[in-house]
Protein backbone atom coordinates (compact mmCIF):
# COMPACT_ATOMS: atom_id res chain seq x y z
CA MET A 1 -0.03 -0.07 -0.10
CA ALA A 2 3.08 2.23 0.76
CA LYS A 3 4.48 1.89 -2.58
CA ALA A 4 1.11 2.66 -4.27
CA GLY A 5 0.99 5.96 -2.50
CA ASP A 6 4.58 6.69 -3.16
CA LYS A 7 4.06 6.21 -6.80
CA SER A 8 0.60 8.46 -6.50
CA GLY A 9 2.65 10.92 -4.77
CA SER A 10 5.33 10.92 -7.49
CA ARG A 11 3.03 11.15 -10.15
CA GLY A 12 1.46 14.56 -8.22
CA LYS A 13 4.76 15.96 -8.34
CA LYS A 14 5.27 15.28 -11.85
CA GLY A 15 1.85 16.82 -12.68
CA LEU A 16 2.93 20.10 -10.53
CA LYS A 17 5.94 20.16 -12.62
CA ARG A 18 4.26 20.30 -15.80
CA LYS A 19 1.76 22.86 -14.61
CA ALA A 20 4.80 25.13 -13.67
CA THR A 21 6.31 24.91 -16.86
CA ALA A 22 3.20 25.76 -18.78
CA GLU A 23 2.83 28.70 -16.70
CA GLU A 24 6.39 29.84 -17.07
CA PRO A 25 5.74 31.92 -20.40
CA GLN A 26 2.34 33.44 -18.92
CA GLU A 27 4.38 34.75 -15.89
CA ALA A 28 7.02 36.11 -18.18
CA ALA A 29 4.79 37.76 -20.30
CA ALA A 30 2.94 39.23 -17.41
CA ALA A 31 6.26 40.46 -16.17
CA GLU A 32 7.17 42.00 -19.55
CA ASP A 33 3.76 44.16 -19.75
CA GLY A 34 4.71 46.30 -16.51
CA ALA A 35 4.19 45.64 -12.73
CA PRO A 36 1.70 43.07 -11.22
CA GLU A 37 -1.47 43.39 -9.17
CA SER A 38 0.80 43.69 -6.05
CA GLY A 39 2.15 46.96 -7.18
CA VAL A 40 5.70 45.31 -6.93
CA GLN A 41 7.92 46.66 -9.99
CA LEU A 42 9.76 43.71 -11.64
CA PRO A 43 13.36 44.53 -12.85
CA LYS A 44 13.78 45.19 -16.50
CA ALA A 45 15.01 42.50 -18.62
CA ALA A 46 18.52 42.62 -18.94
CA ALA A 47 20.11 43.09 -22.78
CA PHE A 48 21.03 40.24 -24.81
CA PRO A 49 24.80 39.42 -24.68
CA PRO A 50 26.59 39.98 -27.94
CA GLY A 51 27.15 36.06 -28.35
CA PHE A 52 23.35 34.92 -27.15
CA SER A 53 21.66 32.99 -30.04
CA ILE A 54 18.18 32.14 -29.51
CA SER A 55 18.14 29.15 -31.65
CA GLU A 56 20.09 27.33 -29.01
CA ILE A 57 17.21 27.41 -26.43
CA LYS A 58 15.65 23.96 -26.84
CA ASN A 59 12.26 24.70 -25.13
CA LYS A 60 9.94 25.81 -27.81
CA GLN A 61 7.97 28.18 -25.52
CA ARG A 62 10.93 29.78 -24.12
CA ARG A 63 12.34 30.11 -27.55
CA HIS A 64 9.19 31.77 -28.86
CA LEU A 65 9.00 34.08 -26.12
CA MET A 66 12.67 35.06 -26.23
CA PHE A 67 12.41 35.77 -29.78
CA THR A 68 9.42 38.17 -29.24
CA ARG A 69 11.22 40.23 -26.73
CA TRP A 70 14.58 40.23 -29.33
CA LYS A 71 12.27 41.67 -32.00
CA GLN A 72 10.56 44.31 -29.74
CA GLN A 73 14.40 45.36 -28.57
CA GLN A 74 15.03 45.35 -31.95
CA ARG A 75 12.20 47.88 -33.18
CA LYS A 76 12.68 50.08 -30.09
CA GLU A 77 16.23 50.53 -31.06
CA LYS A 78 15.15 51.27 -34.49
CA LEU A 79 12.40 53.47 -33.71
CA ALA A 80 14.85 55.55 -31.49
CA ILE A 81 17.46 56.15 -34.00
CA LYS A 82 14.51 57.62 -36.34
CA LYS A 83 13.57 59.81 -34.08
CA LYS A 84 16.97 61.10 -33.14
CA LEU A 85 17.65 61.46 -37.01
CA LYS A 86 14.38 63.41 -37.42
CA LYS A 87 15.02 65.81 -34.72
CA GLU A 88 18.61 66.57 -35.93
CA ARG A 89 16.98 67.00 -39.48
CA GLU A 90 14.52 69.77 -38.10
CA ALA A 91 17.30 71.55 -36.11
CA LEU A 92 19.44 71.94 -39.43
CA GLY A 93 16.17 72.90 -41.28
CA ASP A 94 17.55 73.76 -45.16
CA LYS A 95 21.07 72.81 -44.08
CA ALA A 96 20.20 69.18 -43.68
CA PRO A 97 22.25 66.71 -45.73
CA PRO A 98 19.98 64.90 -48.19
CA LYS A 99 18.27 61.56 -47.25
CA PRO A 100 20.56 58.55 -47.94
CA ILE A 101 19.36 56.52 -51.08
CA PRO A 102 18.14 52.96 -49.67
CA LYS A 103 20.26 49.93 -51.32
CA THR A 104 17.89 47.77 -53.33
CA ILE A 105 18.29 45.08 -56.19
CA ASP A 106 16.95 47.28 -58.57
CA ASN A 107 19.53 50.21 -58.01
CA GLN A 108 22.44 47.66 -57.52
CA ARG A 109 21.66 45.92 -61.09
CA VAL A 110 24.70 44.67 -62.66
CA TYR A 111 25.83 46.63 -65.67
CA ASP A 112 24.32 45.42 -69.17
CA GLU A 113 26.28 46.36 -72.35
CA THR A 114 22.61 45.92 -74.27
CA VAL A 115 21.10 49.07 -72.41
CA VAL A 116 19.62 51.25 -75.11
CA ASP A 117 20.92 54.69 -75.58
CA PRO A 118 17.99 56.91 -77.09
CA ASN A 119 20.63 58.68 -79.36
CA ASP A 120 22.17 55.74 -80.49
CA GLU A 121 22.35 55.77 -84.56
CA GLU A 122 22.36 51.84 -84.75
CA VAL A 123 19.25 51.58 -82.65
CA ALA A 124 17.51 54.30 -84.48
CA TYR A 125 18.52 52.27 -87.63
CA ASP A 126 17.14 48.97 -86.41
CA GLU A 127 13.99 50.60 -85.43
CA THR A 128 13.09 51.82 -89.13
CA THR A 129 13.95 48.36 -90.44
CA ASP A 130 12.33 46.09 -87.94
CA GLU A 131 8.85 44.11 -88.10
CA PHE A 132 7.39 46.68 -86.38
CA ALA A 133 8.54 49.77 -88.66
CA SER A 134 5.29 49.70 -90.82
CA TYR A 135 2.94 50.16 -87.42
CA PHE A 136 5.21 52.89 -86.01
CA ASN A 137 5.26 54.78 -89.50
CA ARG A 138 1.36 54.48 -89.33
CA GLN A 139 1.10 52.40 -92.24
CA THR A 140 -1.12 49.57 -90.83
CA SER A 141 -3.49 49.47 -87.98
CA PRO A 142 -3.38 46.79 -85.21
CA LYS A 143 -6.29 44.06 -85.57
CA ILE A 144 -5.76 41.26 -83.33
CA LEU A 145 -6.54 37.49 -82.79
CA ILE A 146 -7.02 36.35 -79.52
CA THR A 147 -7.52 32.24 -79.03
CA THR A 148 -6.86 29.78 -76.40
CA SER A 149 -5.42 26.41 -76.00
CA ASP A 150 -7.80 23.34 -77.25
CA ARG A 151 -10.73 22.54 -74.75
CA PRO A 152 -10.37 25.57 -72.41
CA HIS A 153 -12.25 25.87 -69.45
CA GLY A 154 -14.45 28.96 -67.84
CA ARG A 155 -11.43 30.91 -66.52
CA THR A 156 -9.32 31.27 -69.27
CA VAL A 157 -12.37 31.83 -71.68
CA ARG A 158 -13.41 35.04 -69.22
CA LEU A 159 -9.99 36.27 -69.55
CA CYS A 160 -9.99 35.95 -73.45
CA GLU A 161 -13.24 38.18 -73.44
CA GLN A 162 -11.99 40.86 -71.11
CA LEU A 163 -8.71 41.16 -72.86
CA SER A 164 -10.87 41.75 -76.05
CA THR A 165 -12.40 44.73 -73.95
CA VAL A 166 -8.82 45.99 -73.26
CA ILE A 167 -7.32 45.95 -76.64
CA PRO A 168 -9.49 47.83 -79.22
CA ASN A 169 -10.13 45.74 -82.59
CA SER A 170 -9.42 42.50 -81.21
CA HIS A 171 -11.72 39.25 -82.02
CA VAL A 172 -11.75 36.19 -79.82
CA TYR A 173 -12.12 32.97 -81.67
CA TYR A 174 -12.06 29.32 -80.18
CA ARG A 175 -9.17 26.96 -81.40
CA ARG A 176 -11.63 23.98 -82.26
CA GLY A 177 -8.56 21.52 -82.22
CA LEU A 178 -6.59 23.52 -84.99
CA ALA A 179 -2.79 23.66 -84.89
CA LEU A 180 -1.35 27.21 -84.64
CA LYS A 181 0.40 26.35 -87.96
CA LYS A 182 -2.64 26.10 -89.73
CA ILE A 183 -4.14 29.53 -87.89
CA ILE A 184 -1.49 31.61 -88.82
CA PRO A 185 -1.85 31.51 -92.58
CA GLN A 186 -5.74 32.24 -91.69
CA CYS A 187 -5.00 34.99 -89.74
CA ILE A 188 -2.76 36.54 -92.51
CA SER A 189 -5.08 36.11 -95.15
CA ARG A 190 -7.78 38.01 -93.01
CA ASP A 191 -5.19 41.02 -92.25
CA PHE A 192 -4.36 40.09 -89.02
CA THR A 193 -1.60 41.97 -87.59
CA ASP A 194 -1.20 39.79 -84.02
CA LEU A 195 -1.85 36.69 -82.57
CA ILE A 196 -2.50 35.95 -79.14
CA VAL A 197 -2.92 32.24 -77.59
CA ILE A 198 -3.41 31.89 -73.88
CA ASN A 199 -2.21 28.55 -72.86
CA GLU A 200 -4.04 26.78 -69.40
CA ASP A 201 -3.05 24.02 -66.69
CA ARG A 202 -5.04 22.76 -64.20
CA LYS A 203 -8.26 25.13 -65.35
CA THR A 204 -6.13 28.22 -64.73
CA PRO A 205 -4.08 30.39 -67.55
CA ASN A 206 -0.52 29.82 -67.30
CA GLY A 207 0.96 30.96 -70.38
CA LEU A 208 0.90 33.43 -73.33
CA ILE A 209 2.08 33.13 -76.78
CA LEU A 210 2.45 36.63 -78.71
CA SER A 211 3.07 36.23 -82.63
CA HIS A 212 3.35 39.45 -84.80
CA LEU A 213 2.30 39.02 -88.13
CA PRO A 214 3.16 38.32 -91.01
CA ASN A 215 7.07 38.36 -90.31
CA GLY A 216 7.23 37.68 -86.43
CA PRO A 217 8.47 37.83 -83.82
CA THR A 218 7.07 35.31 -81.56
CA ALA A 219 7.31 35.61 -77.99
CA HIS A 220 6.36 33.03 -75.21
CA PHE A 221 5.70 34.35 -71.70
CA LYS A 222 5.02 32.37 -68.16
CA MET A 223 1.85 33.88 -66.95
CA SER A 224 0.96 33.82 -63.30
CA SER A 225 -1.03 35.99 -60.70
CA VAL A 226 -4.24 36.30 -62.88
CA ARG A 227 -7.16 38.32 -61.55
CA LEU A 228 -10.31 38.82 -63.33
CA ARG A 229 -12.64 41.77 -62.67
CA LYS A 230 -15.00 40.04 -60.27
CA GLU A 231 -11.63 39.12 -57.98
CA ILE A 232 -10.24 42.71 -58.00
CA LYS A 233 -11.55 44.52 -54.58
CA ARG A 234 -12.83 48.21 -55.20
CA ARG A 235 -12.69 47.77 -58.67
CA GLY A 236 -14.49 50.41 -61.21
CA LYS A 237 -17.01 49.95 -63.67
CA ASP A 238 -16.59 47.90 -66.78
CA PRO A 239 -14.52 49.65 -69.42
CA THR A 240 -15.63 51.82 -72.41
CA GLU A 241 -15.30 51.31 -76.02
CA HIS A 242 -12.32 53.94 -76.07
CA ILE A 243 -9.02 53.69 -77.12
CA PRO A 244 -6.89 53.55 -73.99
CA GLU A 245 -3.38 55.19 -73.54
CA ILE A 246 -0.64 53.04 -72.99
CA ILE A 247 2.33 53.08 -70.53
CA LEU A 248 5.62 50.99 -71.06
CA ASN A 249 7.67 51.27 -68.31
CA ASN A 250 11.44 50.03 -67.56
CA PHE A 251 12.19 48.24 -71.04
CA THR A 252 15.76 49.52 -70.90
CA THR A 253 17.84 46.56 -72.86
CA ARG A 254 17.86 45.85 -76.46
CA LEU A 255 15.70 42.50 -75.70
CA GLY A 256 13.19 44.52 -73.54
CA HIS A 257 13.34 47.46 -76.41
CA SER A 258 11.82 44.63 -78.63
CA VAL A 259 9.37 43.03 -76.15
CA GLY A 260 8.08 46.70 -75.43
CA ARG A 261 7.64 47.56 -79.16
CA MET A 262 5.69 44.45 -79.67
CA PHE A 263 3.29 45.13 -76.67
CA ALA A 264 2.99 48.81 -78.11
CA SER A 265 1.92 47.35 -81.50
CA LEU A 266 -1.17 45.95 -79.94
CA PHE A 267 -2.67 49.32 -79.51
CA PRO A 268 -4.08 52.13 -82.08
CA HIS A 269 -2.05 55.16 -82.44
CA ASN A 270 -4.38 57.62 -81.54
CA PRO A 271 -5.68 57.25 -77.78
CA GLN A 272 -8.94 58.90 -76.86
CA PHE A 273 -8.26 60.83 -73.84
CA ILE A 274 -12.16 61.29 -72.82
CA GLY A 275 -12.17 57.60 -71.81
CA ARG A 276 -9.28 58.38 -69.51
CA GLN A 277 -8.13 54.58 -69.45
CA VAL A 278 -4.79 53.41 -69.00
CA ALA A 279 -3.15 50.07 -69.89
CA THR A 280 0.23 50.10 -67.97
CA PHE A 281 3.20 47.11 -69.04
CA HIS A 282 5.47 47.74 -65.87
CA ASN A 283 8.69 45.65 -65.90
CA GLN A 284 10.50 45.12 -62.83
CA ARG A 285 13.26 42.30 -62.15
CA ASP A 286 12.52 40.49 -65.64
CA TYR A 287 8.51 40.31 -64.30
CA ILE A 288 6.10 42.17 -66.49
CA PHE A 289 3.07 43.48 -64.39
CA PHE A 290 -0.23 44.44 -66.41
CA ARG A 291 -2.70 46.47 -65.05
CA PHE A 292 -5.70 48.59 -66.66
CA HIS A 293 -6.88 51.68 -64.77
CA ARG A 294 -9.32 54.73 -65.00
CA TYR A 295 -8.08 58.02 -63.62
CA ILE A 296 -9.69 61.42 -62.66
CA PHE A 297 -8.18 64.56 -62.11
CA LYS A 298 -9.53 65.76 -58.59
CA SER A 299 -7.55 68.76 -58.65
CA GLU A 300 -4.55 70.30 -60.27
CA LYS A 301 -2.03 68.33 -58.17
CA LYS A 302 -4.34 64.98 -57.20
CA VAL A 303 -5.05 62.27 -59.28
CA GLY A 304 -7.30 59.29 -58.36
CA ILE A 305 -7.15 56.01 -60.22
CA GLN A 306 -9.34 52.96 -60.20
CA GLU A 307 -8.20 49.48 -61.15
CA LEU A 308 -10.84 48.01 -63.89
CA GLY A 309 -9.12 44.67 -64.57
CA PRO A 310 -8.06 42.33 -65.84
CA ARG A 311 -4.61 41.79 -64.00
CA PHE A 312 -1.72 39.41 -64.55
CA THR A 313 2.34 39.05 -64.73
CA LEU A 314 4.00 38.07 -67.32
CA LYS A 315 7.74 36.27 -67.67
CA LEU A 316 9.70 36.12 -70.95
CA ARG A 317 10.80 32.41 -71.51
CA SER A 318 11.87 33.06 -75.25
CA LEU A 319 11.90 35.17 -78.11
CA GLN A 320 11.81 33.57 -81.86
CA LYS A 321 12.27 35.12 -85.15
CA GLY A 322 9.58 34.69 -87.72
CA THR A 323 5.88 33.21 -86.50
CA PHE A 324 5.41 30.15 -84.34
CA ASP A 325 7.49 26.87 -85.31
CA SER A 326 8.44 24.63 -82.35
CA LYS A 327 10.25 22.70 -84.17
CA TYR A 328 12.59 24.37 -86.84
CA GLY A 329 12.31 27.80 -85.37
CA GLU A 330 15.31 30.00 -84.76
CA TYR A 331 15.36 31.87 -81.33
CA GLU A 332 16.82 35.01 -80.89
CA TRP A 333 16.81 34.55 -76.77
CA VAL A 334 15.81 31.62 -74.49
CA HIS A 335 15.81 31.58 -70.68
CA LYS A 336 17.91 29.19 -69.34
CA PRO A 337 17.69 29.58 -65.52
CA ARG A 338 20.80 27.65 -64.66
CA GLU A 339 22.88 29.76 -66.64
CA MET A 340 21.27 33.38 -66.38
CA ASP A 341 20.07 33.16 -63.20
CA THR A 342 23.63 33.25 -61.28
CA SER A 343 22.88 36.48 -59.80
CA ARG A 344 19.92 38.23 -58.54
CA ARG A 345 21.10 41.69 -59.58
CA LYS A 346 21.24 40.72 -63.16
CA PHE A 347 18.43 41.38 -65.40
CA HIS A 348 17.68 40.91 -69.01
CA LEU A 349 14.79 43.20 -70.03
């Protein structure tokens, strides 16, 4: 009987120990918040020693608690430095030194020899003789055919329909099992200037092929982050039939210049400013973000914008000379991740 009592007593002690360990983080949190109910002021937490590593703490709850304390300490130090610098700048007034430019991946970009100089004669000559020269000389007006992969699902079809409201003079046709090599001659015979093909995987759009007719080039993009109009919060009313303005931002290299001209050739030359609609292709770190907005002038200095949709992100996979030809096509540029993505600060567009 005595042995049984000893066992129960030892179990009770173990239970008390477990309760005590569970209550430790709560007590520590109460001590961190301030003085307890009794009014006795607890000593402040000591600063972390220089060689201290939180990852060495084996207890998960204790490690989490110490990590949160460390984060709070870092925030307080950062805020104190900001306040000190602000007071110094206010005291100096106009004599204050300019704010330092923060280092980012964009402004620390690796130098690229192919960056386009607007005053370069070679670039100007290439622009007058490339495949888009007839469009920029206003000899042709864009006419776009938008289609999908075989057996498209609802999300891809809706994206095509919404794109046709963004790009003027564009027509949506269903694929019906035809190969692209058969579609392209039919497009050329019907005076289409560009062909857009939206591919899908697992019922979601994941790729876009843009082919300029009749002589190319053809670009293949990976598509991601697709949002249709109903999925955009606080969106505006459906776009009108006015020809939108187009903004091409940060296409600086020779490759980016040709891709930007490719996007520009989709839209007519004379935008109708009364519609106040803007289509934007913004290149950042080789990702091309597409947005469609309506703007309004609230005053002489303030402008309000409202997104209309759809929105998506593109990443260039390849640029091919001529029209689409997967077997015998000659490629100007192909993205090779293992060779090209060696540095995070190197960009191609």
